[in-house]
Amino acid sequence: PRHSLLGLSLGAGLVAAPKVVHLFHVIRDLKELLKASQLPVEVDLPTCFHFHTTFTCAVSRSQTDPVANPAMLLVCGHCVSKLCLDRLVRGSRARAIQCPVCPQHQLPSQARRLRL
């Protein structure tokens, strides 16, 4: 990943914390609301903290499916769907395959399932 997940989480918390603290000061007297397991507040975060919950394969331009067609992380850091990775393996004459995005070669067994 380009940024660490811990760093992103910490950054988002630092942006949201002052707004949540302000909310606690505003609703301090409403004890019933504070007993709830969730706070009824939405915090607008900068776009650097916006993420997609789905992955679209760069090769086939189709959405992946966690069960039938999961996203696969290549050694170079690029991601393709499992179906596209299988097609690359079938189309390769050598043991190694080439990333469809960059010139890096790798063994198919080096690809790892990406959990989103």
C-alpha atoms as a PDB file:
ATOM      1  CA  PRO A   1       0.000   0.000   0.000  1.00  0.00           C
ATOM      2  CA  ARG A   2       1.042   3.565  -0.626  1.00  0.00           C
ATOM      3  CA  HIS A   3       0.327   4.566   2.979  1.00  0.00           C
ATOM      4  CA  SER A   4       0.200   2.413   6.080  1.00  0.00           C
ATOM      5  CA  LEU A   5      -3.267   1.458   7.303  1.00  0.00           C
ATOM      6  CA  LEU A   6      -2.323   2.477  10.827  1.00  0.00           C
ATOM      7  CA  GLY A   7      -1.238   5.913   9.595  1.00  0.00           C
ATOM      8  CA  LEU A   8      -4.475   6.382   7.653  1.00  0.00           C
ATOM      9  CA  SER A   9      -6.573   5.333  10.657  1.00  0.00           C
ATOM     10  CA  LEU A  10      -4.650   7.635  12.966  1.00  0.00           C
ATOM     11  CA  GLY A  11      -4.954  10.521  10.505  1.00  0.00           C
ATOM     12  CA  ALA A  12      -8.708  10.039  10.151  1.00  0.00           C
ATOM     13  CA  GLY A  13      -9.034   9.918  13.949  1.00  0.00           C
ATOM     14  CA  LEU A  14      -7.072  13.128  14.351  1.00  0.00           C
ATOM     15  CA  VAL A  15      -9.343  14.872  11.844  1.00  0.00           C
ATOM     16  CA  ALA A  16     -12.540  13.537  13.433  1.00  0.00           C
ATOM     17  CA  ALA A  17     -11.588  13.818  17.135  1.00  0.00           C
ATOM     18  CA  PRO A  18     -12.120  17.602  17.574  1.00  0.00           C
ATOM     19  CA  LYS A  19     -15.589  17.341  16.024  1.00  0.00           C
ATOM     20  CA  VAL A  20     -16.547  14.406  18.241  1.00  0.00           C
ATOM     21  CA  VAL A  21     -15.231  16.206  21.351  1.00  0.00           C
ATOM     22  CA  HIS A  22     -17.296  19.257  20.385  1.00  0.00           C
ATOM     23  CA  LEU A  23     -20.333  16.987  20.003  1.00  0.00           C
ATOM     24  CA  PHE A  24     -19.800  15.607  23.533  1.00  0.00           C
ATOM     25  CA  HIS A  25     -19.739  19.147  24.917  1.00  0.00           C
ATOM     26  CA  VAL A  26     -22.963  20.026  23.089  1.00  0.00           C
ATOM     27  CA  ILE A  27     -24.883  16.933  24.211  1.00  0.00           C
ATOM     28  CA  ARG A  28     -23.335  16.554  27.670  1.00  0.00           C
ATOM     29  CA  ASP A  29     -26.720  16.906  29.376  1.00  0.00           C
ATOM     30  CA  LEU A  30     -28.464  14.340  27.201  1.00  0.00           C
ATOM     31  CA  LYS A  31     -27.432  11.246  29.148  1.00  0.00           C
ATOM     32  CA  GLU A  32     -29.701   8.897  27.195  1.00  0.00           C
ATOM     33  CA  LEU A  33     -27.944   9.761  23.966  1.00  0.00           C
ATOM     34  CA  LEU A  34     -24.524   9.136  25.506  1.00  0.00           C
ATOM     35  CA  LYS A  35     -25.599   5.652  26.677  1.00  0.00           C
ATOM     36  CA  ALA A  36     -26.146   4.539  23.082  1.00  0.00           C
ATOM     37  CA  SER A  37     -23.548   2.286  21.491  1.00  0.00           C
ATOM     38  CA  GLN A  38     -23.218   4.607  18.493  1.00  0.00           C
ATOM     39  CA  LEU A  39     -23.105   8.364  18.190  1.00  0.00           C
ATOM     40  CA  PRO A  40     -25.535   9.978  15.745  1.00  0.00           C
ATOM     41  CA  VAL A  41     -22.903  12.091  14.030  1.00  0.00           C
ATOM     42  CA  GLU A  42     -21.419  12.096  10.579  1.00  0.00           C
ATOM     43  CA  VAL A  43     -17.938  13.535  10.165  1.00  0.00           C
ATOM     44  CA  ASP A  44     -16.866  14.777   6.747  1.00  0.00           C
ATOM     45  CA  LEU A  45     -13.309  13.566   6.201  1.00  0.00           C
ATOM     46  CA  PRO A  46     -10.948  14.858   3.492  1.00  0.00           C
ATOM     47  CA  THR A  47     -10.881  12.910   0.229  1.00  0.00           C
ATOM     48  CA  CYS A  48      -7.586  11.224   1.188  1.00  0.00           C
ATOM     49  CA  PHE A  49      -9.663   9.158   3.656  1.00  0.00           C
ATOM     50  CA  HIS A  50     -12.293   8.078   1.084  1.00  0.00           C
ATOM     51  CA  PHE A  51     -12.022   4.468  -0.101  1.00  0.00           C
ATOM     52  CA  HIS A  52     -13.889   2.148  -2.437  1.00  0.00           C
ATOM     53  CA  THR A  53     -15.403  -0.969  -0.931  1.00  0.00           C
ATOM     54  CA  THR A  54     -15.099  -2.853  -4.212  1.00  0.00           C
ATOM     55  CA  PHE A  55     -12.247  -3.589  -6.582  1.00  0.00           C
ATOM     56  CA  THR A  56     -12.398  -3.325 -10.357  1.00  0.00           C
ATOM     57  CA  CYS A  57      -9.824  -5.319 -12.320  1.00  0.00           C
ATOM     58  CA  ALA A  58      -7.542  -3.108 -14.417  1.00  0.00           C
ATOM     59  CA  VAL A  59      -7.407  -5.726 -17.186  1.00  0.00           C
ATOM     60  CA  SER A  60     -11.030  -6.842 -17.605  1.00  0.00           C
ATOM     61  CA  ARG A  61     -12.603  -3.666 -16.168  1.00  0.00           C
ATOM     62  CA  SER A  62     -15.047  -5.865 -14.277  1.00  0.00           C
ATOM     63  CA  GLN A  63     -15.826  -5.917 -10.583  1.00  0.00           C
ATOM     64  CA  THR A  64     -14.276  -8.692  -8.552  1.00  0.00           C
ATOM     65  CA  ASP A  65     -16.204 -10.970  -6.234  1.00  0.00           C
ATOM     66  CA  PRO A  66     -14.694 -12.115  -2.906  1.00  0.00           C
ATOM     67  CA  VAL A  67     -15.750 -15.742  -3.537  1.00  0.00           C
ATOM     68  CA  ALA A  68     -15.997 -16.416  -7.276  1.00  0.00           C
ATOM     69  CA  ASN A  69     -13.404 -13.968  -8.633  1.00  0.00           C
ATOM     70  CA  PRO A  70     -11.241 -12.428  -5.864  1.00  0.00           C
ATOM     71  CA  ALA A  71      -8.682  -9.670  -6.396  1.00  0.00           C
ATOM     72  CA  MET A  72      -5.107 -10.956  -6.596  1.00  0.00           C
ATOM     73  CA  LEU A  73      -2.053  -8.922  -5.542  1.00  0.00           C
ATOM     74  CA  LEU A  74       0.985  -9.419  -7.760  1.00  0.00           C
ATOM     75  CA  VAL A  75       4.599  -9.141  -6.559  1.00  0.00           C
ATOM     76  CA  CYS A  76       4.973  -5.739  -8.248  1.00  0.00           C
ATOM     77  CA  GLY A  77       2.011  -4.351  -6.266  1.00  0.00           C
ATOM     78  CA  HIS A  78      -0.518  -4.305  -9.108  1.00  0.00           C
ATOM     79  CA  CYS A  79      -3.840  -6.127  -8.718  1.00  0.00           C
ATOM     80  CA  VAL A  80      -5.847  -8.202 -11.173  1.00  0.00           C
ATOM     81  CA  SER A  81      -8.848 -10.463 -10.816  1.00  0.00           C
ATOM     82  CA  LYS A  82      -8.354 -14.208 -10.335  1.00  0.00           C
ATOM     83  CA  LEU A  83      -9.947 -14.913 -13.718  1.00  0.00           C
ATOM     84  CA  CYS A  84      -7.477 -12.585 -15.464  1.00  0.00           C
ATOM     85  CA  LEU A  85      -4.577 -14.138 -13.562  1.00  0.00           C
ATOM     86  CA  ASP A  86      -5.726 -17.597 -14.709  1.00  0.00           C
ATOM     87  CA  ARG A  87      -5.900 -16.313 -18.296  1.00  0.00           C
ATOM     88  CA  LEU A  88      -2.362 -14.941 -18.002  1.00  0.00           C
ATOM     89  CA  VAL A  89      -1.135 -18.325 -16.760  1.00  0.00           C
ATOM     90  CA  ARG A  90      -2.861 -20.231 -19.573  1.00  0.00           C
ATOM     91  CA  GLY A  91      -1.509 -17.811 -22.186  1.00  0.00           C
ATOM     92  CA  SER A  92       2.073 -17.932 -20.937  1.00  0.00           C
ATOM     93  CA  ARG A  93       4.516 -20.358 -22.506  1.00  0.00           C
ATOM     94  CA  ALA A  94       7.006 -19.969 -19.676  1.00  0.00           C
ATOM     95  CA  ARG A  95       6.535 -20.734 -15.994  1.00  0.00           C
ATOM     96  CA  ALA A  96       6.618 -17.040 -15.114  1.00  0.00           C
ATOM     97  CA  ILE A  97       3.951 -14.546 -16.110  1.00  0.00           C
ATOM     98  CA  GLN A  98       4.345 -10.853 -16.846  1.00  0.00           C
ATOM     99  CA  CYS A  99       2.259  -8.247 -15.042  1.00  0.00           C
ATOM    100  CA  PRO A 100      -0.252  -6.773 -17.514  1.00  0.00           C
ATOM    101  CA  VAL A 101       0.488  -3.269 -16.183  1.00  0.00           C
ATOM    102  CA  CYS A 102       4.290  -3.245 -15.833  1.00  0.00           C
ATOM    103  CA  PRO A 103       7.193  -5.354 -17.165  1.00  0.00           C
ATOM    104  CA  GLN A 104       7.763  -7.330 -13.933  1.00  0.00           C
ATOM    105  CA  HIS A 105       7.757 -11.140 -14.166  1.00  0.00           C
ATOM    106  CA  GLN A 106       6.660 -13.499 -11.399  1.00  0.00           C
ATOM    107  CA  LEU A 107       5.542 -17.033 -10.746  1.00  0.00           C
ATOM    108  CA  PRO A 108       1.759 -17.472 -10.507  1.00  0.00           C
ATOM    109  CA  SER A 109       2.183 -19.005  -7.043  1.00  0.00           C
ATOM    110  CA  GLN A 110       3.611 -15.680  -5.811  1.00  0.00           C
ATOM    111  CA  ALA A 111       0.277 -13.901  -6.317  1.00  0.00           C
ATOM    112  CA  ARG A 112      -1.661 -13.397  -3.086  1.00  0.00           C
ATOM    113  CA  ARG A 113      -5.379 -13.007  -2.561  1.00  0.00           C
ATOM    114  CA  LEU A 114      -6.275  -9.406  -1.704  1.00  0.00           C
ATOM    115  CA  ARG A 115      -8.916  -9.135   0.988  1.00  0.00           C
ATOM    116  CA  LEU A 116     -10.971  -5.960   0.745  1.00  0.00           C
END
